[in-house]
Amino acid sequence: MKSNMASEELLKPFYQRAIEAEERLSRLEAVLAGNKDAGNQELSQLISELQAKLEAANAEALSEREKAKQLAMENEKLKYRIAHLVQAVKESDQKLVCMRGNVSEATAETSSKLESMRL
């Protein structure tokens, strides 16, 4: 029995150190778990912020696409109007040329009639 008690006395400091090590380990695990929660919370917050920014950017992109679509439609309408205005100007120029031609012919006829009257 003495040897049994002697060995227990010899092992007592080792048991004490093992208990202290387990306590330190459990405190470290608790701190680590707390840090993970804090880190996870920071990551979750960062992810939420990034998602909000992404949604805002998507909404802005959609708005810009809609504006571009409307501008393209307006551009097509203006091209149509320009084509018709150019055609109208060409027709007016042709009519003016014809009228000037007729005036020149009429002026030439009048001049020849006047000249024949003088004779």
PDB file of N, CA and C in Angstrom:
ATOM      1  N   MET A   1       0.780  -1.185   0.000  1.00  0.00           N
ATOM      2  CA  MET A   1       0.000   0.000   0.000  1.00  0.00           C
ATOM      3  C   MET A   1       0.831   1.262   0.000  1.00  0.00           C
ATOM      4  N   LYS A   2       1.950   1.148   0.673  1.00  0.00           N
ATOM      5  CA  LYS A   2       2.813   2.303   0.721  1.00  0.00           C
ATOM      6  C   LYS A   2       3.272   2.666  -0.675  1.00  0.00           C
ATOM      7  N   SER A   3       3.563   1.674  -1.462  1.00  0.00           N
ATOM      8  CA  SER A   3       4.024   1.972  -2.813  1.00  0.00           C
ATOM      9  C   SER A   3       2.896   2.585  -3.637  1.00  0.00           C
ATOM     10  N   ASN A   4       1.689   2.134  -3.379  1.00  0.00           N
ATOM     11  CA  ASN A   4       0.532   2.680  -4.089  1.00  0.00           C
ATOM     12  C   ASN A   4       0.338   4.137  -3.697  1.00  0.00           C
ATOM     13  N   MET A   5       0.441   4.433  -2.413  1.00  0.00           N
ATOM     14  CA  MET A   5       0.279   5.802  -1.936  1.00  0.00           C
ATOM     15  C   MET A   5       1.457   6.662  -2.381  1.00  0.00           C
ATOM     16  N   ALA A   6       2.608   6.069  -2.406  1.00  0.00           N
ATOM     17  CA  ALA A   6       3.783   6.816  -2.830  1.00  0.00           C
ATOM     18  C   ALA A   6       3.654   7.189  -4.297  1.00  0.00           C
ATOM     19  N   SER A   7       3.169   6.255  -5.104  1.00  0.00           N
ATOM     20  CA  SER A   7       3.016   6.583  -6.514  1.00  0.00           C
ATOM     21  C   SER A   7       1.913   7.620  -6.720  1.00  0.00           C
ATOM     22  N   GLU A   8       0.870   7.579  -5.882  1.00  0.00           N
ATOM     23  CA  GLU A   8      -0.178   8.605  -5.988  1.00  0.00           C
ATOM     24  C   GLU A   8       0.386   9.964  -5.613  1.00  0.00           C
ATOM     25  N   GLU A   9       1.230  10.006  -4.606  1.00  0.00           N
ATOM     26  CA  GLU A   9       1.861  11.265  -4.211  1.00  0.00           C
ATOM     27  C   GLU A   9       2.779  11.772  -5.315  1.00  0.00           C
ATOM     28  N   LEU A  10       3.467  10.850  -5.975  1.00  0.00           N
ATOM     29  CA  LEU A  10       4.338  11.249  -7.073  1.00  0.00           C
ATOM     30  C   LEU A  10       3.523  11.769  -8.272  1.00  0.00           C
ATOM     31  N   LEU A  11       2.363  11.174  -8.492  1.00  0.00           N
ATOM     32  CA  LEU A  11       1.530  11.560  -9.647  1.00  0.00           C
ATOM     33  C   LEU A  11       0.654  12.785  -9.364  1.00  0.00           C
ATOM     34  N   LYS A  12       0.487  13.149  -8.106  1.00  0.00           N
ATOM     35  CA  LYS A  12      -0.389  14.261  -7.736  1.00  0.00           C
ATOM     36  C   LYS A  12      -0.015  15.551  -8.481  1.00  0.00           C
ATOM     37  N   PRO A  13       1.270  15.965  -8.566  1.00  0.00           N
ATOM     38  CA  PRO A  13       1.580  17.191  -9.308  1.00  0.00           C
ATOM     39  C   PRO A  13       1.229  17.078 -10.791  1.00  0.00           C
ATOM     40  N   PHE A  14       1.363  15.863 -11.342  1.00  0.00           N
ATOM     41  CA  PHE A  14       1.008  15.688 -12.756  1.00  0.00           C
ATOM     42  C   PHE A  14      -0.500  15.831 -12.961  1.00  0.00           C
ATOM     43  N   TYR A  15      -1.285  15.264 -12.044  1.00  0.00           N
ATOM     44  CA  TYR A  15      -2.743  15.418 -12.117  1.00  0.00           C
ATOM     45  C   TYR A  15      -3.122  16.892 -12.004  1.00  0.00           C
ATOM     46  N   GLN A  16      -2.467  17.581 -11.083  1.00  0.00           N
ATOM     47  CA  GLN A  16      -2.759  19.001 -10.887  1.00  0.00           C
ATOM     48  C   GLN A  16      -2.439  19.785 -12.164  1.00  0.00           C
ATOM     49  N   ARG A  17      -1.303  19.512 -12.775  1.00  0.00           N
ATOM     50  CA  ARG A  17      -0.934  20.195 -14.016  1.00  0.00           C
ATOM     51  C   ARG A  17      -1.904  19.847 -15.144  1.00  0.00           C
ATOM     52  N   ALA A  18      -2.370  18.611 -15.190  1.00  0.00           N
ATOM     53  CA  ALA A  18      -3.334  18.200 -16.217  1.00  0.00           C
ATOM     54  C   ALA A  18      -4.650  18.948 -16.030  1.00  0.00           C
ATOM     55  N   ILE A  19      -5.099  19.077 -14.784  1.00  0.00           N
ATOM     56  CA  ILE A  19      -6.345  19.812 -14.500  1.00  0.00           C
ATOM     57  C   ILE A  19      -6.199  21.271 -14.913  1.00  0.00           C
ATOM     58  N   GLU A  20      -5.056  21.889 -14.567  1.00  0.00           N
ATOM     59  CA  GLU A  20      -4.819  23.283 -14.948  1.00  0.00           C
ATOM     60  C   GLU A  20      -4.761  23.430 -16.465  1.00  0.00           C
ATOM     61  N   ALA A  21      -4.139  22.498 -17.126  1.00  0.00           N
ATOM     62  CA  ALA A  21      -4.062  22.541 -18.590  1.00  0.00           C
ATOM     63  C   ALA A  21      -5.447  22.424 -19.212  1.00  0.00           C
ATOM     64  N   GLU A  22      -6.278  21.552 -18.674  1.00  0.00           N
ATOM     65  CA  GLU A  22      -7.643  21.406 -19.181  1.00  0.00           C
ATOM     66  C   GLU A  22      -8.442  22.685 -18.972  1.00  0.00           C
ATOM     67  N   GLU A  23      -8.257  23.339 -17.823  1.00  0.00           N
ATOM     68  CA  GLU A  23      -8.957  24.595 -17.546  1.00  0.00           C
ATOM     69  C   GLU A  23      -8.512  25.673 -18.535  1.00  0.00           C
ATOM     70  N   ARG A  24      -7.194  25.776 -18.754  1.00  0.00           N
ATOM     71  CA  ARG A  24      -6.691  26.767 -19.718  1.00  0.00           C
ATOM     72  C   ARG A  24      -7.215  26.470 -21.116  1.00  0.00           C
ATOM     73  N   LEU A  25      -7.231  25.199 -21.476  1.00  0.00           N
ATOM     74  CA  LEU A  25      -7.727  24.803 -22.782  1.00  0.00           C
ATOM     75  C   LEU A  25      -9.197  25.165 -22.945  1.00  0.00           C
ATOM     76  N   SER A  26      -9.998  24.926 -21.935  1.00  0.00           N
ATOM     77  CA  SER A  26     -11.424  25.255 -22.042  1.00  0.00           C
ATOM     78  C   SER A  26     -11.618  26.769 -22.120  1.00  0.00           C
ATOM     79  N   ARG A  27     -10.787  27.563 -21.377  1.00  0.00           N
ATOM     80  CA  ARG A  27     -10.885  29.030 -21.476  1.00  0.00           C
ATOM     81  C   ARG A  27     -10.490  29.493 -22.882  1.00  0.00           C
ATOM     82  N   LEU A  28      -9.419  28.912 -23.425  1.00  0.00           N
ATOM     83  CA  LEU A  28      -8.990  29.261 -24.789  1.00  0.00           C
ATOM     84  C   LEU A  28     -10.048  28.902 -25.825  1.00  0.00           C
ATOM     85  N   GLU A  29     -10.662  27.733 -25.646  1.00  0.00           N
ATOM     86  CA  GLU A  29     -11.729  27.339 -26.564  1.00  0.00           C
ATOM     87  C   GLU A  29     -12.893  28.308 -26.496  1.00  0.00           C
ATOM     88  N   ALA A  30     -13.221  28.764 -25.275  1.00  0.00           N
ATOM     89  CA  ALA A  30     -14.314  29.729 -25.111  1.00  0.00           C
ATOM     90  C   ALA A  30     -13.965  31.047 -25.793  1.00  0.00           C
ATOM     91  N   VAL A  31     -12.715  31.503 -25.604  1.00  0.00           N
ATOM     92  CA  VAL A  31     -12.289  32.751 -26.244  1.00  0.00           C
ATOM     93  C   VAL A  31     -12.304  32.593 -27.761  1.00  0.00           C
ATOM     94  N   LEU A  32     -11.800  31.477 -28.231  1.00  0.00           N
ATOM     95  CA  LEU A  32     -11.780  31.223 -29.670  1.00  0.00           C
ATOM     96  C   LEU A  32     -13.189  31.178 -30.237  1.00  0.00           C
ATOM     97  N   ALA A  33     -14.101  30.534 -29.530  1.00  0.00           N
ATOM     98  CA  ALA A  33     -15.495  30.479 -29.989  1.00  0.00           C
ATOM     99  C   ALA A  33     -16.085  31.884 -30.016  1.00  0.00           C
ATOM    100  N   GLY A  34     -15.755  32.700 -29.016  1.00  0.00           N
ATOM    101  CA  GLY A  34     -16.236  34.089 -28.984  1.00  0.00           C
ATOM    102  C   GLY A  34     -15.674  34.885 -30.146  1.00  0.00           C
ATOM    103  N   ASN A  35     -14.395  34.685 -30.440  1.00  0.00           N
ATOM    104  CA  ASN A  35     -13.778  35.389 -31.572  1.00  0.00           C
ATOM    105  C   ASN A  35     -14.384  34.942 -32.882  1.00  0.00           C
ATOM    106  N   LYS A  36     -14.672  33.654 -32.997  1.00  0.00           N
ATOM    107  CA  LYS A  36     -15.299  33.159 -34.219  1.00  0.00           C
ATOM    108  C   LYS A  36     -16.660  33.794 -34.399  1.00  0.00           C
ATOM    109  N   ASP A  37     -17.417  33.906 -33.301  1.00  0.00           N
ATOM    110  CA  ASP A  37     -18.737  34.535 -33.391  1.00  0.00           C
ATOM    111  C   ASP A  37     -18.594  35.986 -33.809  1.00  0.00           C
ATOM    112  N   ALA A  38     -17.608  36.681 -33.210  1.00  0.00           N
ATOM    113  CA  ALA A  38     -17.387  38.078 -33.574  1.00  0.00           C
ATOM    114  C   ALA A  38     -16.921  38.163 -35.028  1.00  0.00           C
ATOM    115  N   GLY A  39     -16.011  37.274 -35.409  1.00  0.00           N
ATOM    116  CA  GLY A  39     -15.540  37.257 -36.793  1.00  0.00           C
ATOM    117  C   GLY A  39     -16.655  36.920 -37.757  1.00  0.00           C
ATOM    118  N   ASN A  40     -17.482  35.947 -37.374  1.00  0.00           N
ATOM    119  CA  ASN A  40     -18.614  35.586 -38.226  1.00  0.00           C
ATOM    120  C   ASN A  40     -19.589  36.742 -38.334  1.00  0.00           C
ATOM    121  N   GLN A  41     -19.771  37.446 -37.222  1.00  0.00           N
ATOM    122  CA  GLN A  41     -20.686  38.579 -37.233  1.00  0.00           C
ATOM    123  C   GLN A  41     -20.144  39.674 -38.151  1.00  0.00           C
ATOM    124  N   GLU A  42     -18.832  39.928 -38.095  1.00  0.00           N
ATOM    125  CA  GLU A  42     -18.235  40.921 -38.976  1.00  0.00           C
ATOM    126  C   GLU A  42     -18.362  40.500 -40.436  1.00  0.00           C
ATOM    127  N   LEU A  43     -18.119  39.224 -40.696  1.00  0.00           N
ATOM    128  CA  LEU A  43     -18.258  38.724 -42.072  1.00  0.00           C
ATOM    129  C   LEU A  43     -19.701  38.826 -42.549  1.00  0.00           C
ATOM    130  N   SER A  44     -20.632  38.501 -41.675  1.00  0.00           N
ATOM    131  CA  SER A  44     -22.050  38.597 -42.046  1.00  0.00           C
ATOM    132  C   SER A  44     -22.426  40.034 -42.358  1.00  0.00           C
ATOM    133  N   GLN A  45     -21.907  40.952 -41.550  1.00  0.00           N
ATOM    134  CA  GLN A  45     -22.191  42.367 -41.783  1.00  0.00           C
ATOM    135  C   GLN A  45     -21.580  42.816 -43.108  1.00  0.00           C
ATOM    136  N   LEU A  46     -20.353  42.398 -43.374  1.00  0.00           N
ATOM    137  CA  LEU A  46     -19.693  42.748 -44.623  1.00  0.00           C
ATOM    138  C   LEU A  46     -20.450  42.175 -45.818  1.00  0.00           C
ATOM    139  N   ILE A  47     -20.888  40.944 -45.706  1.00  0.00           N
ATOM    140  CA  ILE A  47     -21.658  40.313 -46.782  1.00  0.00           C
ATOM    141  C   ILE A  47     -22.969  41.057 -47.002  1.00  0.00           C
ATOM    142  N   SER A  48     -23.623  41.462 -45.916  1.00  0.00           N
ATOM    143  CA  SER A  48     -24.877  42.210 -46.045  1.00  0.00           C
ATOM    144  C   SER A  48     -24.644  43.540 -46.750  1.00  0.00           C
ATOM    145  N   GLU A  49     -23.558  44.226 -46.380  1.00  0.00           N
ATOM    146  CA  GLU A  49     -23.250  45.499 -47.023  1.00  0.00           C
ATOM    147  C   GLU A  49     -22.976  45.299 -48.511  1.00  0.00           C
ATOM    148  N   LEU A  50     -22.211  44.262 -48.828  1.00  0.00           N
ATOM    149  CA  LEU A  50     -21.905  43.991 -50.231  1.00  0.00           C
ATOM    150  C   LEU A  50     -23.159  43.631 -51.028  1.00  0.00           C
ATOM    151  N   GLN A  51     -24.043  42.864 -50.406  1.00  0.00           N
ATOM    152  CA  GLN A  51     -25.298  42.519 -51.085  1.00  0.00           C
ATOM    153  C   GLN A  51     -26.139  43.762 -51.331  1.00  0.00           C
ATOM    154  N   ALA A  52     -26.182  44.668 -50.349  1.00  0.00           N
ATOM    155  CA  ALA A  52     -26.946  45.902 -50.519  1.00  0.00           C
ATOM    156  C   ALA A  52     -26.361  46.744 -51.657  1.00  0.00           C
ATOM    157  N   LYS A  53     -25.025  46.826 -51.703  1.00  0.00           N
ATOM    158  CA  LYS A  53     -24.383  47.583 -52.779  1.00  0.00           C
ATOM    159  C   LYS A  53     -24.652  46.940 -54.132  1.00  0.00           C
ATOM    160  N   LEU A  54     -24.618  45.610 -54.181  1.00  0.00           N
ATOM    161  CA  LEU A  54     -24.886  44.895 -55.429  1.00  0.00           C
ATOM    162  C   LEU A  54     -26.318  45.140 -55.894  1.00  0.00           C
ATOM    163  N   GLU A  55     -27.255  45.098 -54.977  1.00  0.00           N
ATOM    164  CA  GLU A  55     -28.660  45.352 -55.345  1.00  0.00           C
ATOM    165  C   GLU A  55     -28.830  46.775 -55.853  1.00  0.00           C
ATOM    166  N   ALA A  56     -28.165  47.751 -55.208  1.00  0.00           N
ATOM    167  CA  ALA A  56     -28.248  49.136 -55.659  1.00  0.00           C
ATOM    168  C   ALA A  56     -27.637  49.285 -57.045  1.00  0.00           C
ATOM    169  N   ALA A  57     -26.502  48.626 -57.272  1.00  0.00           N
ATOM    170  CA  ALA A  57     -25.851  48.695 -58.581  1.00  0.00           C
ATOM    171  C   ALA A  57     -26.723  48.047 -59.657  1.00  0.00           C
ATOM    172  N   ASN A  58     -27.358  46.928 -59.324  1.00  0.00           N
ATOM    173  CA  ASN A  58     -28.254  46.272 -60.283  1.00  0.00           C
ATOM    174  C   ASN A  58     -29.444  47.152 -60.615  1.00  0.00           C
ATOM    175  N   ALA A  59     -29.993  47.817 -59.605  1.00  0.00           N
ATOM    176  CA  ALA A  59     -31.128  48.716 -59.838  1.00  0.00           C
ATOM    177  C   ALA A  59     -30.703  49.889 -60.722  1.00  0.00           C
ATOM    178  N   GLU A  60     -29.515  50.426 -60.465  1.00  0.00           N
ATOM    179  CA  GLU A  60     -29.015  51.533 -61.276  1.00  0.00           C
ATOM    180  C   GLU A  60     -28.760  51.083 -62.713  1.00  0.00           C
ATOM    181  N   ALA A  61     -28.208  49.892 -62.873  1.00  0.00           N
ATOM    182  CA  ALA A  61     -27.955  49.370 -64.217  1.00  0.00           C
ATOM    183  C   ALA A  61     -29.270  49.180 -64.974  1.00  0.00           C
ATOM    184  N   LEU A  62     -30.276  48.674 -64.296  1.00  0.00           N
ATOM    185  CA  LEU A  62     -31.582  48.498 -64.924  1.00  0.00           C
ATOM    186  C   LEU A  62     -32.164  49.843 -65.338  1.00  0.00           C
ATOM    187  N   SER A  63     -32.023  50.835 -64.471  1.00  0.00           N
ATOM    188  CA  SER A  63     -32.508  52.176 -64.783  1.00  0.00           C
ATOM    189  C   SER A  63     -31.780  52.748 -65.996  1.00  0.00           C
ATOM    190  N   GLU A  64     -30.470  52.563 -66.048  1.00  0.00           N
ATOM    191  CA  GLU A  64     -29.686  53.070 -67.169  1.00  0.00           C
ATOM    192  C   GLU A  64     -30.055  52.350 -68.473  1.00  0.00           C
ATOM    193  N   ARG A  65     -30.315  51.051 -68.390  1.00  0.00           N
ATOM    194  CA  ARG A  65     -30.742  50.315 -69.584  1.00  0.00           C
ATOM    195  C   ARG A  65     -32.072  50.852 -70.094  1.00  0.00           C
ATOM    196  N   GLU A  66     -32.974  51.151 -69.171  1.00  0.00           N
ATOM    197  CA  GLU A  66     -34.282  51.688 -69.550  1.00  0.00           C
ATOM    198  C   GLU A  66     -34.126  53.058 -70.214  1.00  0.00           C
ATOM    199  N   LYS A  67     -33.245  53.897 -69.641  1.00  0.00           N
ATOM    200  CA  LYS A  67     -32.992  55.208 -70.233  1.00  0.00           C
ATOM    201  C   LYS A  67     -32.401  55.057 -71.637  1.00  0.00           C
ATOM    202  N   ALA A  68     -31.462  54.132 -71.795  1.00  0.00           N
ATOM    203  CA  ALA A  68     -30.839  53.906 -73.098  1.00  0.00           C
ATOM    204  C   ALA A  68     -31.877  53.440 -74.112  1.00  0.00           C
ATOM    205  N   LYS A  69     -32.796  52.591 -73.669  1.00  0.00           N
ATOM    206  CA  LYS A  69     -33.856  52.103 -74.554  1.00  0.00           C
ATOM    207  C   LYS A  69     -34.746  53.264 -75.005  1.00  0.00           C
ATOM    208  N   GLN A  70     -35.113  54.138 -74.062  1.00  0.00           N
ATOM    209  CA  GLN A  70     -35.958  55.281 -74.405  1.00  0.00           C
ATOM    210  C   GLN A  70     -35.226  56.233 -75.343  1.00  0.00           C
ATOM    211  N   LEU A  71     -33.943  56.456 -75.095  1.00  0.00           N
ATOM    212  CA  LEU A  71     -33.168  57.335 -75.973  1.00  0.00           C
ATOM    213  C   LEU A  71     -33.043  56.750 -77.373  1.00  0.00           C
ATOM    214  N   ALA A  72     -32.897  55.449 -77.460  1.00  0.00           N
ATOM    215  CA  ALA A  72     -32.813  54.805 -78.772  1.00  0.00           C
ATOM    216  C   ALA A  72     -34.126  54.979 -79.532  1.00  0.00           C
ATOM    217  N   MET A  73     -35.245  54.836 -78.836  1.00  0.00           N
ATOM    218  CA  MET A  73     -36.552  55.026 -79.482  1.00  0.00           C
ATOM    219  C   MET A  73     -36.697  56.473 -79.958  1.00  0.00           C
ATOM    220  N   GLU A  74     -36.315  57.419 -79.111  1.00  0.00           N
ATOM    221  CA  GLU A  74     -36.410  58.824 -79.478  1.00  0.00           C
ATOM    222  C   GLU A  74     -35.492  59.128 -80.673  1.00  0.00           C
ATOM    223  N   ASN A  75     -34.319  58.523 -80.681  1.00  0.00           N
ATOM    224  CA  ASN A  75     -33.379  58.703 -81.781  1.00  0.00           C
ATOM    225  C   ASN A  75     -33.987  58.218 -83.098  1.00  0.00           C
ATOM    226  N   GLU A  76     -34.637  57.060 -83.065  1.00  0.00           N
ATOM    227  CA  GLU A  76     -35.276  56.530 -84.271  1.00  0.00           C
ATOM    228  C   GLU A  76     -36.384  57.466 -84.761  1.00  0.00           C
ATOM    229  N   LYS A  77     -37.163  58.022 -83.838  1.00  0.00           N
ATOM    230  CA  LYS A  77     -38.220  58.955 -84.230  1.00  0.00           C
ATOM    231  C   LYS A  77     -37.624  60.192 -84.894  1.00  0.00           C
ATOM    232  N   LEU A  78     -36.525  60.691 -84.300  1.00  0.00           N
ATOM    233  CA  LEU A  78     -35.899  61.884 -84.871  1.00  0.00           C
ATOM    234  C   LEU A  78     -35.300  61.592 -86.246  1.00  0.00           C
ATOM    235  N   LYS A  79     -34.729  60.426 -86.450  1.00  0.00           N
ATOM    236  CA  LYS A  79     -34.206  60.046 -87.762  1.00  0.00           C
ATOM    237  C   LYS A  79     -35.329  60.022 -88.791  1.00  0.00           C
ATOM    238  N   TYR A  80     -36.482  59.506 -88.387  1.00  0.00           N
ATOM    239  CA  TYR A  80     -37.641  59.443 -89.270  1.00  0.00           C
ATOM    240  C   TYR A  80     -38.070  60.861 -89.669  1.00  0.00           C
ATOM    241  N   ARG A  81     -38.137  61.750 -88.670  1.00  0.00           N
ATOM    242  CA  ARG A  81     -38.536  63.136 -88.951  1.00  0.00           C
ATOM    243  C   ARG A  81     -37.523  63.822 -89.865  1.00  0.00           C
ATOM    244  N   ILE A  82     -36.238  63.589 -89.618  1.00  0.00           N
ATOM    245  CA  ILE A  82     -35.199  64.210 -90.443  1.00  0.00           C
ATOM    246  C   ILE A  82     -35.319  63.741 -91.889  1.00  0.00           C
ATOM    247  N   ALA A  83     -35.552  62.449 -92.074  1.00  0.00           N
ATOM    248  CA  ALA A  83     -35.689  61.918 -93.438  1.00  0.00           C
ATOM    249  C   ALA A  83     -36.839  62.602 -94.156  1.00  0.00           C
ATOM    250  N   HIS A  84     -37.957  62.790 -93.475  1.00  0.00           N
ATOM    251  CA  HIS A  84     -39.105  63.432 -94.113  1.00  0.00           C
ATOM    252  C   HIS A  84     -38.855  64.918 -94.355  1.00  0.00           C
ATOM    253  N   LEU A  85     -38.149  65.576 -93.432  1.00  0.00           N
ATOM    254  CA  LEU A  85     -37.847  66.991 -93.638  1.00  0.00           C
ATOM    255  C   LEU A  85     -36.886  67.181 -94.814  1.00  0.00           C
ATOM    256  N   VAL A  86     -35.900  66.298 -94.929  1.00  0.00           N
ATOM    257  CA  VAL A  86     -34.972  66.379 -96.058  1.00  0.00           C
ATOM    258  C   VAL A  86     -35.731  66.176 -97.364  1.00  0.00           C
ATOM    259  N   GLN A  87     -36.648  65.204 -97.392  1.00  0.00           N
ATOM    260  CA  GLN A  87     -37.449  64.966 -98.600  1.00  0.00           C
ATOM    261  C   GLN A  87     -38.309  66.187 -98.930  1.00  0.00           C
ATOM    262  N   ALA A  88     -38.891  66.813 -97.928  1.00  0.00           N
ATOM    263  CA  ALA A  88     -39.723  67.996 -98.163  1.00  0.00           C
ATOM    264  C   ALA A  88     -38.882  69.148 -98.705  1.00  0.00           C
ATOM    265  N   VAL A  89     -37.668  69.321 -98.183  1.00  0.00           N
ATOM    266  CA  VAL A  89     -36.791  70.389 -98.678  1.00  0.00           C
ATOM    267  C   VAL A  89     -36.408  70.121-100.126  1.00  0.00           C
ATOM    268  N   LYS A  90     -36.106  68.873-100.469  1.00  0.00           N
ATOM    269  CA  LYS A  90     -35.764  68.544-101.856  1.00  0.00           C
ATOM    270  C   LYS A  90     -36.928  68.857-102.789  1.00  0.00           C
ATOM    271  N   GLU A  91     -38.129  68.486-102.379  1.00  0.00           N
ATOM    272  CA  GLU A  91     -39.308  68.759-103.211  1.00  0.00           C
ATOM    273  C   GLU A  91     -39.527  70.254-103.369  1.00  0.00           C
ATOM    274  N   SER A  92     -39.318  70.997-102.277  1.00  0.00           N
ATOM    275  CA  SER A  92     -39.470  72.455-102.353  1.00  0.00           C
ATOM    276  C   SER A  92     -38.437  73.059-103.288  1.00  0.00           C
ATOM    277  N   ASP A  93     -37.203  72.565-103.221  1.00  0.00           N
ATOM    278  CA  ASP A  93     -36.150  73.060-104.115  1.00  0.00           C
ATOM    279  C   ASP A  93     -36.513  72.778-105.576  1.00  0.00           C
ATOM    280  N   GLN A  94     -37.044  71.585-105.837  1.00  0.00           N
ATOM    281  CA  GLN A  94     -37.433  71.256-107.206  1.00  0.00           C
ATOM    282  C   GLN A  94     -38.552  72.174-107.695  1.00  0.00           C
ATOM    283  N   LYS A  95     -39.526  72.436-106.832  1.00  0.00           N
ATOM    284  CA  LYS A  95     -40.623  73.331-107.214  1.00  0.00           C
ATOM    285  C   LYS A  95     -40.097  74.736-107.482  1.00  0.00           C
ATOM    286  N   LEU A  96     -39.144  75.178-106.657  1.00  0.00           N
ATOM    287  CA  LEU A  96     -38.570  76.514-106.830  1.00  0.00           C
ATOM    288  C   LEU A  96     -37.813  76.609-108.153  1.00  0.00           C
ATOM    289  N   VAL A  97     -37.066  75.554-108.460  1.00  0.00           N
ATOM    290  CA  VAL A  97     -36.344  75.529-109.731  1.00  0.00           C
ATOM    291  C   VAL A  97     -37.341  75.582-110.892  1.00  0.00           C
ATOM    292  N   CYS A  98     -38.408  74.825-110.795  1.00  0.00           N
ATOM    293  CA  CYS A  98     -39.427  74.841-111.857  1.00  0.00           C
ATOM    294  C   CYS A  98     -40.062  76.212-111.979  1.00  0.00           C
ATOM    295  N   MET A  99     -40.361  76.826-110.841  1.00  0.00           N
ATOM    296  CA  MET A  99     -40.979  78.151-110.875  1.00  0.00           C
ATOM    297  C   MET A  99     -40.019  79.174-111.482  1.00  0.00           C
ATOM    298  N   ARG A 100     -38.765  79.094-111.124  1.00  0.00           N
ATOM    299  CA  ARG A 100     -37.786  80.022-111.688  1.00  0.00           C
ATOM    300  C   ARG A 100     -37.644  79.781-113.188  1.00  0.00           C
ATOM    301  N   GLY A 101     -37.690  78.524-113.589  1.00  0.00           N
ATOM    302  CA  GLY A 101     -37.626  78.201-115.018  1.00  0.00           C
ATOM    303  C   GLY A 101     -38.813  78.798-115.748  1.00  0.00           C
ATOM    304  N   ASN A 102     -39.988  78.658-115.154  1.00  0.00           N
ATOM    305  CA  ASN A 102     -41.194  79.208-115.771  1.00  0.00           C
ATOM    306  C   ASN A 102     -41.123  80.725-115.819  1.00  0.00           C
ATOM    307  N   VAL A 103     -40.609  81.333-114.753  1.00  0.00           N
ATOM    308  CA  VAL A 103     -40.487  82.792-114.725  1.00  0.00           C
ATOM    309  C   VAL A 103     -39.505  83.237-115.799  1.00  0.00           C
ATOM    310  N   SER A 104     -38.428  82.492-115.940  1.00  0.00           N
ATOM    311  CA  SER A 104     -37.436  82.850-116.969  1.00  0.00           C
ATOM    312  C   SER A 104     -38.045  82.729-118.354  1.00  0.00           C
ATOM    313  N   GLU A 105     -38.810  81.660-118.567  1.00  0.00           N
ATOM    314  CA  GLU A 105     -39.466  81.489-119.853  1.00  0.00           C
ATOM    315  C   GLU A 105     -40.472  82.602-120.088  1.00  0.00           C
ATOM    316  N   ALA A 106     -41.241  82.904-119.025  1.00  0.00           N
ATOM    317  CA  ALA A 106     -42.238  83.971-119.167  1.00  0.00           C
ATOM    318  C   ALA A 106     -41.552  85.304-119.414  1.00  0.00           C
ATOM    319  N   THR A 107     -40.440  85.548-118.740  1.00  0.00           N
ATOM    320  CA  THR A 107     -39.710  86.796-118.935  1.00  0.00           C
ATOM    321  C   THR A 107     -39.153  86.863-120.355  1.00  0.00           C
ATOM    322  N   ALA A 108     -38.664  85.743-120.842  1.00  0.00           N
ATOM    323  CA  ALA A 108     -38.122  85.711-122.213  1.00  0.00           C
ATOM    324  C   ALA A 108     -39.227  85.971-123.223  1.00  0.00           C
ATOM    325  N   GLU A 109     -40.395  85.372-123.010  1.00  0.00           N
ATOM    326  CA  GLU A 109     -41.528  85.599-123.920  1.00  0.00           C
ATOM    327  C   GLU A 109     -41.958  87.058-123.899  1.00  0.00           C
ATOM    328  N   THR A 110     -42.027  87.607-122.688  1.00  0.00           N
ATOM    329  CA  THR A 110     -42.449  89.000-122.567  1.00  0.00           C
ATOM    330  C   THR A 110     -41.433  89.910-123.248  1.00  0.00           C
ATOM    331  N   SER A 111     -40.175  89.620-123.072  1.00  0.00           N
ATOM    332  CA  SER A 111     -39.123  90.432-123.695  1.00  0.00           C
ATOM    333  C   SER A 111     -39.235  90.364-125.219  1.00  0.00           C
ATOM    334  N   SER A 112     -39.449  89.168-125.736  1.00  0.00           N
ATOM    335  CA  SER A 112     -39.555  89.053-127.197  1.00  0.00           C
ATOM    336  C   SER A 112     -40.803  89.754-127.714  1.00  0.00           C
ATOM    337  N   LYS A 113     -41.887  89.693-126.970  1.00  0.00           N
ATOM    338  CA  LYS A 113     -43.122  90.397-127.391  1.00  0.00           C
ATOM    339  C   LYS A 113     -42.896  91.895-127.383  1.00  0.00           C
ATOM    340  N   LEU A 114     -42.179  92.374-126.343  1.00  0.00           N
ATOM    341  CA  LEU A 114     -41.895  93.806-126.250  1.00  0.00           C
ATOM    342  C   LEU A 114     -40.999  94.247-127.405  1.00  0.00           C
ATOM    343  N   GLU A 115     -40.042  93.430-127.717  1.00  0.00           N
ATOM    344  CA  GLU A 115     -39.150  93.757-128.806  1.00  0.00           C
ATOM    345  C   GLU A 115     -39.897  93.762-130.151  1.00  0.00           C
ATOM    346  N   SER A 116     -40.780  92.790-130.319  1.00  0.00           N
ATOM    347  CA  SER A 116     -41.541  92.766-131.564  1.00  0.00           C
ATOM    348  C   SER A 116     -42.486  93.940-131.655  1.00  0.00           C
ATOM    349  N   MET A 117     -42.965  94.462-130.564  1.00  0.00           N
ATOM    350  CA  MET A 117     -43.852  95.610-130.566  1.00  0.00           C
ATOM    351  C   MET A 117     -43.074  96.875-130.936  1.00  0.00           C
ATOM    352  N   ARG A 118     -41.881  96.930-130.596  1.00  0.00           N
ATOM    353  CA  ARG A 118     -41.096  98.126-130.894  1.00  0.00           C
ATOM    354  C   ARG A 118     -40.796  98.204-132.378  1.00  0.00           C
ATOM    355  N   LEU A 119     -40.746  97.116-132.970  1.00  0.00           N
ATOM    356  CA  LEU A 119     -40.427  97.138-134.400  1.00  0.00           C
ATOM    357  C   LEU A 119     -41.571  97.666-135.130  1.00  0.00           C
TER     358      LEU A 119
END
